[in-house]
Every structure is written in structure tokens, then in C-alpha cells.
């Protein structure tokens, strides 16, 4: 399964090997890693979903740093891609994080 299948995300990927070393493909690679850490796609090592919230959070923080540090230096398309991916992945992170919390005990 590709990193985009089953997640609802529709991100454009590089069309040819010559296009693989771009800012957009770098962002997509980080996004794919985050989806793996969130258990949204299978881990390449285990061939099954493996939720690693601390690693997902760290990679999300890296994307956030890139978003802040590259403002004004990206093309419109790159900026839009980074913003959309950050928004989507933050929402997925919150959903997965909430699903991992044990249910609160009901008061007597």
C-alpha cells in the first residue's frame, strides 16, 4: 500500500527520477514518514501499522520548523503543499493521539 492509499490524502509525487530531489519531494518524504509513525500506513520493517507518537510528533515539529524558516522563500505551490500537509497531518496526529488514550473512569 502506498503512503497515500487509505488516508484520504491526495498529494502529488515526482513524475520521474530527475524530479526526486526537490523541496516538494522532501516534504512528501517527511509526510510519508509521519504517516508511518502514526500507523496510517504499514511500517516497511514490520509490514503492519506501528504507532510511534513521539517520532510522529518530532517529524511534525521538523515540518513546522521548515514552514516557519522558509516563509517568503518558497514558490506558491511549495508553500501551499507544505501548509496543506502540515494541516492534514496535525489533524491525523490529534485523532490518533486521542484514540491511544485510555478511557477516563466514570465518576461513581
PDB file of N, CA and C in Angstrom:
ATOM      1  N   UNK A   1       0.847  -1.172   0.000  1.00  0.00           N
ATOM      2  CA  UNK A   1       0.000   0.000   0.000  1.00  0.00           C
ATOM      3  C   UNK A   1       0.894   1.236   0.000  1.00  0.00           C
ATOM      4  N   UNK A   2       0.571   2.205  -0.839  1.00  0.00           N
ATOM      5  CA  UNK A   2       1.373   3.422  -0.886  1.00  0.00           C
ATOM      6  C   UNK A   2       1.022   4.305   0.291  1.00  0.00           C
ATOM      7  N   UNK A   3       1.894   5.259   0.667  1.00  0.00           N
ATOM      8  CA  UNK A   3       1.636   6.115   1.815  1.00  0.00           C
ATOM      9  C   UNK A   3       0.347   6.917   1.688  1.00  0.00           C
ATOM     10  N   UNK A   4      -0.145   7.102   0.465  1.00  0.00           N
ATOM     11  CA  UNK A   4      -1.333   7.924   0.289  1.00  0.00           C
ATOM     12  C   UNK A   4      -2.620   7.112   0.279  1.00  0.00           C
ATOM     13  N   UNK A   5      -2.544   5.804   0.049  1.00  0.00           N
ATOM     14  CA  UNK A   5      -3.741   4.986  -0.054  1.00  0.00           C
ATOM     15  C   UNK A   5      -4.404   4.838   1.307  1.00  0.00           C
ATOM     16  N   UNK A   6      -5.704   4.988   1.315  1.00  0.00           N
ATOM     17  CA  UNK A   6      -6.471   4.761   2.524  1.00  0.00           C
ATOM     18  C   UNK A   6      -6.412   5.878   3.534  1.00  0.00           C
ATOM     19  N   UNK A   7      -5.705   6.950   3.267  1.00  0.00           N
ATOM     20  CA  UNK A   7      -5.600   8.035   4.247  1.00  0.00           C
ATOM     21  C   UNK A   7      -6.468   9.226   3.891  1.00  0.00           C
ATOM     22  N   UNK A   8      -6.952   9.281   2.662  1.00  0.00           N
ATOM     23  CA  UNK A   8      -7.720  10.435   2.227  1.00  0.00           C
ATOM     24  C   UNK A   8      -6.841  11.558   1.721  1.00  0.00           C
ATOM     25  N   UNK A   9      -5.542  11.383   1.743  1.00  0.00           N
ATOM     26  CA  UNK A   9      -4.622  12.421   1.292  1.00  0.00           C
ATOM     27  C   UNK A   9      -4.359  12.260  -0.197  1.00  0.00           C
ATOM     28  N   UNK A  10      -4.348  13.362  -0.901  1.00  0.00           N
ATOM     29  CA  UNK A  10      -4.039  13.342  -2.320  1.00  0.00           C
ATOM     30  C   UNK A  10      -2.904  14.325  -2.543  1.00  0.00           C
ATOM     31  N   UNK A  11      -1.696  13.807  -2.531  1.00  0.00           N
ATOM     32  CA  UNK A  11      -0.523  14.636  -2.723  1.00  0.00           C
ATOM     33  C   UNK A  11       0.150  14.210  -4.003  1.00  0.00           C
ATOM     34  N   UNK A  12       0.610  15.177  -4.739  1.00  0.00           N
ATOM     35  CA  UNK A  12       1.311  14.914  -5.987  1.00  0.00           C
ATOM     36  C   UNK A  12       2.720  14.414  -5.666  1.00  0.00           C
ATOM     37  N   UNK A  13       3.179  13.409  -6.387  1.00  0.00           N
ATOM     38  CA  UNK A  13       4.542  12.905  -6.201  1.00  0.00           C
ATOM     39  C   UNK A  13       5.355  13.169  -7.459  1.00  0.00           C
ATOM     40  N   UNK A  14       6.643  12.961  -7.366  1.00  0.00           N
ATOM     41  CA  UNK A  14       7.536  13.198  -8.506  1.00  0.00           C
ATOM     42  C   UNK A  14       7.159  12.293  -9.668  1.00  0.00           C
ATOM     43  N   UNK A  15       7.198  12.862 -10.869  1.00  0.00           N
ATOM     44  CA  UNK A  15       6.816  12.117 -12.064  1.00  0.00           C
ATOM     45  C   UNK A  15       7.966  11.292 -12.621  1.00  0.00           C
ATOM     46  N   UNK A  16       9.189  11.700 -12.364  1.00  0.00           N
ATOM     47  CA  UNK A  16      10.338  10.971 -12.900  1.00  0.00           C
ATOM     48  C   UNK A  16      11.502  11.056 -11.923  1.00  0.00           C
ATOM     49  N   UNK A  17      12.498  10.171 -12.089  1.00  0.00           N
ATOM     50  CA  UNK A  17      13.650  10.190 -11.184  1.00  0.00           C
ATOM     51  C   UNK A  17      14.380  11.533 -11.168  1.00  0.00           C
ATOM     52  N   UNK A  18      14.352  12.266 -12.273  1.00  0.00           N
ATOM     53  CA  UNK A  18      15.036  13.563 -12.313  1.00  0.00           C
ATOM     54  C   UNK A  18      14.385  14.572 -11.375  1.00  0.00           C
ATOM     55  N   UNK A  19      13.122  14.362 -11.035  1.00  0.00           N
ATOM     56  CA  UNK A  19      12.398  15.298 -10.191  1.00  0.00           C
ATOM     57  C   UNK A  19      12.415  14.893  -8.716  1.00  0.00           C
ATOM     58  N   UNK A  20      13.162  13.880  -8.361  1.00  0.00           N
ATOM     59  CA  UNK A  20      13.082  13.381  -6.997  1.00  0.00           C
ATOM     60  C   UNK A  20      13.769  14.267  -5.975  1.00  0.00           C
ATOM     61  N   UNK A  21      14.685  15.102  -6.357  1.00  0.00           N
ATOM     62  CA  UNK A  21      15.413  15.931  -5.397  1.00  0.00           C
ATOM     63  C   UNK A  21      14.876  17.365  -5.411  1.00  0.00           C
ATOM     64  N   UNK A  22      13.615  17.522  -5.030  1.00  0.00           N
ATOM     65  CA  UNK A  22      13.018  18.849  -4.943  1.00  0.00           C
ATOM     66  C   UNK A  22      12.545  19.090  -3.519  1.00  0.00           C
ATOM     67  N   UNK A  23      12.240  20.326  -3.216  1.00  0.00           N
ATOM     68  CA  UNK A  23      11.713  20.651  -1.891  1.00  0.00           C
ATOM     69  C   UNK A  23      10.397  19.908  -1.665  1.00  0.00           C
ATOM     70  N   UNK A  24       9.557  19.865  -2.688  1.00  0.00           N
ATOM     71  CA  UNK A  24       8.258  19.196  -2.552  1.00  0.00           C
ATOM     72  C   UNK A  24       8.415  17.710  -2.254  1.00  0.00           C
ATOM     73  N   UNK A  25       9.337  17.043  -2.922  1.00  0.00           N
ATOM     74  CA  UNK A  25       9.513  15.620  -2.655  1.00  0.00           C
ATOM     75  C   UNK A  25      10.140  15.393  -1.277  1.00  0.00           C
ATOM     76  N   UNK A  26      10.947  16.323  -0.817  1.00  0.00           N
ATOM     77  CA  UNK A  26      11.489  16.242   0.540  1.00  0.00           C
ATOM     78  C   UNK A  26      10.344  16.322   1.553  1.00  0.00           C
ATOM     79  N   UNK A  27       9.429  17.258   1.339  1.00  0.00           N
ATOM     80  CA  UNK A  27       8.281  17.411   2.229  1.00  0.00           C
ATOM     81  C   UNK A  27       7.412  16.159   2.176  1.00  0.00           C
ATOM     82  N   UNK A  28       7.191  15.617   0.984  1.00  0.00           N
ATOM     83  CA  UNK A  28       6.394  14.400   0.840  1.00  0.00           C
ATOM     84  C   UNK A  28       7.052  13.212   1.532  1.00  0.00           C
ATOM     85  N   UNK A  29       8.368  13.145   1.493  1.00  0.00           N
ATOM     86  CA  UNK A  29       9.079  12.061   2.174  1.00  0.00           C
ATOM     87  C   UNK A  29       8.885  12.155   3.688  1.00  0.00           C
ATOM     88  N   UNK A  30       8.987  13.374   4.227  1.00  0.00           N
ATOM     89  CA  UNK A  30       8.739  13.559   5.665  1.00  0.00           C
ATOM     90  C   UNK A  30       7.291  13.218   6.004  1.00  0.00           C
ATOM     91  N   UNK A  31       6.366  13.627   5.147  1.00  0.00           N
ATOM     92  CA  UNK A  31       4.949  13.338   5.374  1.00  0.00           C
ATOM     93  C   UNK A  31       4.704  11.830   5.374  1.00  0.00           C
ATOM     94  N   UNK A  32       5.332  11.116   4.468  1.00  0.00           N
ATOM     95  CA  UNK A  32       5.180   9.659   4.420  1.00  0.00           C
ATOM     96  C   UNK A  32       5.710   9.026   5.699  1.00  0.00           C
ATOM     97  N   UNK A  33       6.820   9.526   6.191  1.00  0.00           N
ATOM     98  CA  UNK A  33       7.390   9.028   7.443  1.00  0.00           C
ATOM     99  C   UNK A  33       6.436   9.274   8.602  1.00  0.00           C
ATOM    100  N   UNK A  34       5.832  10.443   8.628  1.00  0.00           N
ATOM    101  CA  UNK A  34       4.877  10.767   9.693  1.00  0.00           C
ATOM    102  C   UNK A  34       3.672   9.828   9.624  1.00  0.00           C
ATOM    103  N   UNK A  35       3.169   9.570   8.423  1.00  0.00           N
ATOM    104  CA  UNK A  35       2.035   8.653   8.282  1.00  0.00           C
ATOM    105  C   UNK A  35       2.381   7.252   8.779  1.00  0.00           C
ATOM    106  N   UNK A  36       3.614   6.830   8.550  1.00  0.00           N
ATOM    107  CA  UNK A  36       4.054   5.529   9.061  1.00  0.00           C
ATOM    108  C   UNK A  36       4.073   5.560  10.585  1.00  0.00           C
ATOM    109  N   UNK A  37       4.638   6.625  11.175  1.00  0.00           N
ATOM    110  CA  UNK A  37       4.706   6.725  12.636  1.00  0.00           C
ATOM    111  C   UNK A  37       3.329   6.860  13.275  1.00  0.00           C
ATOM    112  N   UNK A  38       2.363   7.361  12.521  1.00  0.00           N
ATOM    113  CA  UNK A  38       1.002   7.483  13.035  1.00  0.00           C
ATOM    114  C   UNK A  38       0.189   6.204  12.830  1.00  0.00           C
ATOM    115  N   UNK A  39       0.795   5.209  12.187  1.00  0.00           N
ATOM    116  CA  UNK A  39       0.108   3.951  11.954  1.00  0.00           C
ATOM    117  C   UNK A  39      -0.914   4.026  10.830  1.00  0.00           C
ATOM    118  N   UNK A  40      -0.836   5.083  10.027  1.00  0.00           N
ATOM    119  CA  UNK A  40      -1.768   5.248   8.915  1.00  0.00           C
ATOM    120  C   UNK A  40      -1.362   4.416   7.707  1.00  0.00           C
ATOM    121  N   UNK A  41      -0.105   4.047   7.635  1.00  0.00           N
ATOM    122  CA  UNK A  41       0.393   3.155   6.599  1.00  0.00           C
ATOM    123  C   UNK A  41       1.288   2.115   7.273  1.00  0.00           C
ATOM    124  N   UNK A  42       1.534   1.046   6.567  1.00  0.00           N
ATOM    125  CA  UNK A  42       2.353  -0.026   7.128  1.00  0.00           C
ATOM    126  C   UNK A  42       3.797   0.405   7.285  1.00  0.00           C
ATOM    127  N   UNK A  43       4.408  -0.046   8.351  1.00  0.00           N
ATOM    128  CA  UNK A  43       5.833   0.170   8.560  1.00  0.00           C
ATOM    129  C   UNK A  43       6.598  -0.736   7.592  1.00  0.00           C
ATOM    130  N   UNK A  44       7.597  -0.191   6.898  1.00  0.00           N
ATOM    131  CA  UNK A  44       8.377  -1.034   5.989  1.00  0.00           C
ATOM    132  C   UNK A  44       9.095  -2.179   6.708  1.00  0.00           C
ATOM    133  N   UNK A  45       9.419  -1.997   7.979  1.00  0.00           N
ATOM    134  CA  UNK A  45      10.132  -3.037   8.727  1.00  0.00           C
ATOM    135  C   UNK A  45       9.199  -4.165   9.161  1.00  0.00           C
ATOM    136  N   UNK A  46       8.002  -3.808   9.633  1.00  0.00           N
ATOM    137  CA  UNK A  46       7.106  -4.824  10.197  1.00  0.00           C
ATOM    138  C   UNK A  46       5.988  -5.245   9.253  1.00  0.00           C
ATOM    139  N   UNK A  47       5.806  -4.510   8.173  1.00  0.00           N
ATOM    140  CA  UNK A  47       4.716  -4.758   7.227  1.00  0.00           C
ATOM    141  C   UNK A  47       3.343  -4.673   7.899  1.00  0.00           C
ATOM    142  N   UNK A  48       3.264  -3.915   8.984  1.00  0.00           N
ATOM    143  CA  UNK A  48       1.993  -3.680   9.667  1.00  0.00           C
ATOM    144  C   UNK A  48       2.032  -2.280  10.280  1.00  0.00           C
ATOM    145  N   UNK A  49       0.864  -1.722  10.596  1.00  0.00           N
ATOM    146  CA  UNK A  49       0.849  -0.392  11.227  1.00  0.00           C
ATOM    147  C   UNK A  49       1.563  -0.424  12.574  1.00  0.00           C
ATOM    148  N   UNK A  50       2.329   0.592  12.849  1.00  0.00           N
ATOM    149  CA  UNK A  50       3.097   0.681  14.098  1.00  0.00           C
ATOM    150  C   UNK A  50       3.063   2.129  14.567  1.00  0.00           C
ATOM    151  N   UNK A  51       2.250   2.411  15.558  1.00  0.00           N
ATOM    152  CA  UNK A  51       2.086   3.793  16.027  1.00  0.00           C
ATOM    153  C   UNK A  51       3.240   4.171  16.946  1.00  0.00           C
ATOM    154  N   UNK A  52       3.932   5.233  16.577  1.00  0.00           N
ATOM    155  CA  UNK A  52       5.045   5.783  17.341  1.00  0.00           C
ATOM    156  C   UNK A  52       4.811   7.294  17.484  1.00  0.00           C
ATOM    157  N   UNK A  53       3.947   7.685  18.433  1.00  0.00           N
ATOM    158  CA  UNK A  53       3.565   9.093  18.554  1.00  0.00           C
ATOM    159  C   UNK A  53       4.742  10.042  18.807  1.00  0.00           C
ATOM    160  N   UNK A  54       5.719   9.688  19.642  1.00  0.00           N
ATOM    161  CA  UNK A  54       6.838  10.618  19.838  1.00  0.00           C
ATOM    162  C   UNK A  54       7.611  10.895  18.537  1.00  0.00           C
ATOM    163  N   UNK A  55       7.799   9.858  17.719  1.00  0.00           N
ATOM    164  CA  UNK A  55       8.505  10.056  16.451  1.00  0.00           C
ATOM    165  C   UNK A  55       7.654  10.861  15.473  1.00  0.00           C
ATOM    166  N   UNK A  56       6.361  10.598  15.465  1.00  0.00           N
ATOM    167  CA  UNK A  56       5.461  11.372  14.598  1.00  0.00           C
ATOM    168  C   UNK A  56       5.489  12.837  15.000  1.00  0.00           C
ATOM    169  N   UNK A  57       5.461  13.094  16.295  1.00  0.00           N
ATOM    170  CA  UNK A  57       5.482  14.473  16.792  1.00  0.00           C
ATOM    171  C   UNK A  57       6.792  15.166  16.421  1.00  0.00           C
ATOM    172  N   UNK A  58       7.895  14.463  16.551  1.00  0.00           N
ATOM    173  CA  UNK A  58       9.188  15.043  16.210  1.00  0.00           C
ATOM    174  C   UNK A  58       9.244  15.432  14.733  1.00  0.00           C
ATOM    175  N   UNK A  59       8.778  14.542  13.865  1.00  0.00           N
ATOM    176  CA  UNK A  59       8.776  14.850  12.428  1.00  0.00           C
ATOM    177  C   UNK A  59       7.803  15.987  12.102  1.00  0.00           C
ATOM    178  N   UNK A  60       6.659  16.031  12.787  1.00  0.00           N
ATOM    179  CA  UNK A  60       5.729  17.148  12.606  1.00  0.00           C
ATOM    180  C   UNK A  60       6.388  18.461  13.029  1.00  0.00           C
ATOM    181  N   UNK A  61       7.132  18.409  14.111  1.00  0.00           N
ATOM    182  CA  UNK A  61       7.861  19.609  14.555  1.00  0.00           C
ATOM    183  C   UNK A  61       8.884  20.038  13.507  1.00  0.00           C
ATOM    184  N   UNK A  62       9.558  19.068  12.883  1.00  0.00           N
ATOM    185  CA  UNK A  62      10.509  19.403  11.810  1.00  0.00           C
ATOM    186  C   UNK A  62       9.796  20.123  10.665  1.00  0.00           C
ATOM    187  N   UNK A  63       8.631  19.614  10.267  1.00  0.00           N
ATOM    188  CA  UNK A  63       7.865  20.268   9.206  1.00  0.00           C
ATOM    189  C   UNK A  63       7.436  21.670   9.633  1.00  0.00           C
ATOM    190  N   UNK A  64       7.066  21.816  10.895  1.00  0.00           N
ATOM    191  CA  UNK A  64       6.682  23.132  11.407  1.00  0.00           C
ATOM    192  C   UNK A  64       7.841  24.112  11.361  1.00  0.00           C
ATOM    193  N   UNK A  65       9.023  23.642  11.707  1.00  0.00           N
ATOM    194  CA  UNK A  65      10.217  24.489  11.644  1.00  0.00           C
ATOM    195  C   UNK A  65      10.486  24.903  10.200  1.00  0.00           C
ATOM    196  N   UNK A  66      10.391  23.934   9.285  1.00  0.00           N
ATOM    197  CA  UNK A  66      10.587  24.258   7.865  1.00  0.00           C
ATOM    198  C   UNK A  66       9.566  25.279   7.382  1.00  0.00           C
ATOM    199  N   UNK A  67       8.345  25.145   7.837  1.00  0.00           N
ATOM    200  CA  UNK A  67       7.288  26.079   7.442  1.00  0.00           C
ATOM    201  C   UNK A  67       7.637  27.501   7.878  1.00  0.00           C
ATOM    202  N   UNK A  68       8.084  27.641   9.108  1.00  0.00           N
ATOM    203  CA  UNK A  68       8.429  28.965   9.630  1.00  0.00           C
ATOM    204  C   UNK A  68       9.692  29.517   8.968  1.00  0.00           C
ATOM    205  N   UNK A  69      10.713  28.698   8.876  1.00  0.00           N
ATOM    206  CA  UNK A  69      12.012  29.160   8.387  1.00  0.00           C
ATOM    207  C   UNK A  69      12.062  29.410   6.875  1.00  0.00           C
ATOM    208  N   UNK A  70      11.114  28.847   6.130  1.00  0.00           N
ATOM    209  CA  UNK A  70      11.147  29.023   4.683  1.00  0.00           C
ATOM    210  C   UNK A  70      10.111  30.030   4.187  1.00  0.00           C
ATOM    211  N   UNK A  71       9.379  30.661   5.098  1.00  0.00           N
ATOM    212  CA  UNK A  71       8.360  31.629   4.660  1.00  0.00           C
ATOM    213  C   UNK A  71       8.999  32.728   3.823  1.00  0.00           C
ATOM    214  N   UNK A  72       8.384  32.994   2.682  1.00  0.00           N
ATOM    215  CA  UNK A  72       8.896  34.003   1.765  1.00  0.00           C
ATOM    216  C   UNK A  72       9.938  33.486   0.805  1.00  0.00           C
ATOM    217  N   UNK A  73      10.366  32.242   0.963  1.00  0.00           N
ATOM    218  CA  UNK A  73      11.405  31.667   0.104  1.00  0.00           C
ATOM    219  C   UNK A  73      10.906  30.502  -0.742  1.00  0.00           C
ATOM    220  N   UNK A  74       9.620  30.192  -0.676  1.00  0.00           N
ATOM    221  CA  UNK A  74       9.071  29.071  -1.422  1.00  0.00           C
ATOM    222  C   UNK A  74       8.198  29.575  -2.560  1.00  0.00           C
ATOM    223  N   UNK A  75       8.035  28.721  -3.553  1.00  0.00           N
ATOM    224  CA  UNK A  75       7.069  29.057  -4.599  1.00  0.00           C
ATOM    225  C   UNK A  75       5.676  28.949  -3.992  1.00  0.00           C
ATOM    226  N   UNK A  76       4.701  29.486  -4.676  1.00  0.00           N
ATOM    227  CA  UNK A  76       3.317  29.400  -4.196  1.00  0.00           C
ATOM    228  C   UNK A  76       2.898  27.947  -4.036  1.00  0.00           C
ATOM    229  N   UNK A  77       3.267  27.124  -5.000  1.00  0.00           N
ATOM    230  CA  UNK A  77       2.915  25.702  -4.946  1.00  0.00           C
ATOM    231  C   UNK A  77       3.578  25.000  -3.754  1.00  0.00           C
ATOM    232  N   UNK A  78       4.858  25.261  -3.524  1.00  0.00           N
ATOM    233  CA  UNK A  78       5.567  24.644  -2.396  1.00  0.00           C
ATOM    234  C   UNK A  78       4.973  25.093  -1.069  1.00  0.00           C
ATOM    235  N   UNK A  79       4.675  26.366  -0.959  1.00  0.00           N
ATOM    236  CA  UNK A  79       4.098  26.905   0.267  1.00  0.00           C
ATOM    237  C   UNK A  79       2.729  26.290   0.541  1.00  0.00           C
ATOM    238  N   UNK A  80       1.920  26.192  -0.492  1.00  0.00           N
ATOM    239  CA  UNK A  80       0.591  25.598  -0.357  1.00  0.00           C
ATOM    240  C   UNK A  80       0.698  24.131   0.042  1.00  0.00           C
ATOM    241  N   UNK A  81       1.610  23.397  -0.596  1.00  0.00           N
ATOM    242  CA  UNK A  81       1.805  21.983  -0.274  1.00  0.00           C
ATOM    243  C   UNK A  81       2.216  21.812   1.186  1.00  0.00           C
ATOM    244  N   UNK A  82       3.197  22.564   1.620  1.00  0.00           N
ATOM    245  CA  UNK A  82       3.678  22.455   2.996  1.00  0.00           C
ATOM    246  C   UNK A  82       2.575  22.794   3.988  1.00  0.00           C
ATOM    247  N   UNK A  83       1.842  23.858   3.723  1.00  0.00           N
ATOM    248  CA  UNK A  83       0.751  24.261   4.623  1.00  0.00           C
ATOM    249  C   UNK A  83      -0.325  23.173   4.683  1.00  0.00           C
ATOM    250  N   UNK A  84      -0.726  22.640   3.533  1.00  0.00           N
ATOM    251  CA  UNK A  84      -1.785  21.630   3.486  1.00  0.00           C
ATOM    252  C   UNK A  84      -1.356  20.343   4.182  1.00  0.00           C
ATOM    253  N   UNK A  85      -0.118  19.930   3.940  1.00  0.00           N
ATOM    254  CA  UNK A  85       0.379  18.705   4.576  1.00  0.00           C
ATOM    255  C   UNK A  85       0.453  18.880   6.087  1.00  0.00           C
ATOM    256  N   UNK A  86       0.953  20.016   6.530  1.00  0.00           N
ATOM    257  CA  UNK A  86       1.021  20.269   7.977  1.00  0.00           C
ATOM    258  C   UNK A  86      -0.364  20.239   8.602  1.00  0.00           C
ATOM    259  N   UNK A  87      -1.318  20.883   7.970  1.00  0.00           N
ATOM    260  CA  UNK A  87      -2.688  20.914   8.487  1.00  0.00           C
ATOM    261  C   UNK A  87      -3.265  19.506   8.553  1.00  0.00           C
ATOM    262  N   UNK A  88      -3.152  18.762   7.456  1.00  0.00           N
ATOM    263  CA  UNK A  88      -3.692  17.401   7.406  1.00  0.00           C
ATOM    264  C   UNK A  88      -3.050  16.499   8.450  1.00  0.00           C
ATOM    265  N   UNK A  89      -1.737  16.543   8.533  1.00  0.00           N
ATOM    266  CA  UNK A  89      -1.031  15.646   9.449  1.00  0.00           C
ATOM    267  C   UNK A  89      -1.256  16.007  10.909  1.00  0.00           C
ATOM    268  N   UNK A  90      -1.391  17.274  11.203  1.00  0.00           N
ATOM    269  CA  UNK A  90      -1.697  17.676  12.587  1.00  0.00           C
ATOM    270  C   UNK A  90      -3.063  17.145  13.011  1.00  0.00           C
ATOM    271  N   UNK A  91      -4.027  17.190  12.099  1.00  0.00           N
ATOM    272  CA  UNK A  91      -5.356  16.650  12.405  1.00  0.00           C
ATOM    273  C   UNK A  91      -5.299  15.140  12.629  1.00  0.00           C
ATOM    274  N   UNK A  92      -4.546  14.448  11.797  1.00  0.00           N
ATOM    275  CA  UNK A  92      -4.397  12.997  11.960  1.00  0.00           C
ATOM    276  C   UNK A  92      -3.690  12.699  13.277  1.00  0.00           C
ATOM    277  N   UNK A  93      -2.662  13.470  13.602  1.00  0.00           N
ATOM    278  CA  UNK A  93      -1.927  13.270  14.857  1.00  0.00           C
ATOM    279  C   UNK A  93      -2.872  13.363  16.053  1.00  0.00           C
ATOM    280  N   UNK A  94      -3.695  14.400  16.079  1.00  0.00           N
ATOM    281  CA  UNK A  94      -4.628  14.590  17.192  1.00  0.00           C
ATOM    282  C   UNK A  94      -5.607  13.420  17.269  1.00  0.00           C
ATOM    283  N   UNK A  95      -6.127  12.997  16.118  1.00  0.00           N
ATOM    284  CA  UNK A  95      -7.070  11.870  16.100  1.00  0.00           C
ATOM    285  C   UNK A  95      -6.417  10.606  16.644  1.00  0.00           C
ATOM    286  N   UNK A  96      -5.201  10.311  16.187  1.00  0.00           N
ATOM    287  CA  UNK A  96      -4.507   9.100  16.640  1.00  0.00           C
ATOM    288  C   UNK A  96      -4.149   9.218  18.110  1.00  0.00           C
ATOM    289  N   UNK A  97      -3.690  10.376  18.528  1.00  0.00           N
ATOM    290  CA  UNK A  97      -3.332  10.585  19.934  1.00  0.00           C
ATOM    291  C   UNK A  97      -4.548  10.361  20.840  1.00  0.00           C
ATOM    292  N   UNK A  98      -5.690  10.889  20.444  1.00  0.00           N
ATOM    293  CA  UNK A  98      -6.898  10.722  21.251  1.00  0.00           C
ATOM    294  C   UNK A  98      -7.359   9.274  21.280  1.00  0.00           C
ATOM    295  N   UNK A  99      -7.139   8.557  20.194  1.00  0.00           N
ATOM    296  CA  UNK A  99      -7.548   7.152  20.153  1.00  0.00           C
ATOM    297  C   UNK A  99      -6.640   6.265  21.012  1.00  0.00           C
ATOM    298  N   UNK A 100      -5.449   6.756  21.349  1.00  0.00           N
ATOM    299  CA  UNK A 100      -4.495   5.992  22.146  1.00  0.00           C
ATOM    300  C   UNK A 100      -4.679   6.192  23.643  1.00  0.00           C
ATOM    301  N   UNK A 101      -5.456   7.202  24.030  1.00  0.00           N
ATOM    302  CA  UNK A 101      -5.658   7.467  25.449  1.00  0.00           C
ATOM    303  C   UNK A 101      -6.612   6.428  26.031  1.00  0.00           C
ATOM    304  N   UNK A 102      -6.307   5.944  27.234  1.00  0.00           N
ATOM    305  CA  UNK A 102      -7.246   5.018  27.860  1.00  0.00           C
ATOM    306  C   UNK A 102      -8.524   5.767  28.235  1.00  0.00           C
ATOM    307  N   UNK A 103      -9.660   5.095  28.223  1.00  0.00           N
ATOM    308  CA  UNK A 103     -10.902   5.777  28.584  1.00  0.00           C
ATOM    309  C   UNK A 103     -10.855   6.281  30.017  1.00  0.00           C
ATOM    310  N   UNK A 104     -11.425   7.443  30.215  1.00  0.00           N
ATOM    311  CA  UNK A 104     -11.470   8.020  31.568  1.00  0.00           C
ATOM    312  C   UNK A 104     -12.450   7.219  32.417  1.00  0.00           C
ATOM    313  N   UNK A 105     -12.072   6.984  33.680  1.00  0.00           N
ATOM    314  CA  UNK A 105     -13.013   6.276  34.558  1.00  0.00           C
ATOM    315  C   UNK A 105     -14.242   7.137  34.803  1.00  0.00           C
ATOM    316  N   UNK A 106     -15.400   6.484  34.844  1.00  0.00           N
ATOM    317  CA  UNK A 106     -16.641   7.215  35.095  1.00  0.00           C
ATOM    318  C   UNK A 106     -16.747   7.490  36.586  1.00  0.00           C
ATOM    319  N   UNK A 107     -17.216   8.704  36.920  1.00  0.00           N
ATOM    320  CA  UNK A 107     -17.368   9.003  38.351  1.00  0.00           C
ATOM    321  C   UNK A 107     -18.467   8.150  38.958  1.00  0.00           C
ATOM    322  N   UNK A 108     -18.320   7.847  40.255  1.00  0.00           N
ATOM    323  CA  UNK A 108     -19.314   6.976  40.929  1.00  0.00           C
ATOM    324  C   UNK A 108     -20.657   7.652  41.066  1.00  0.00           C
TER     325      UNK A 108
END
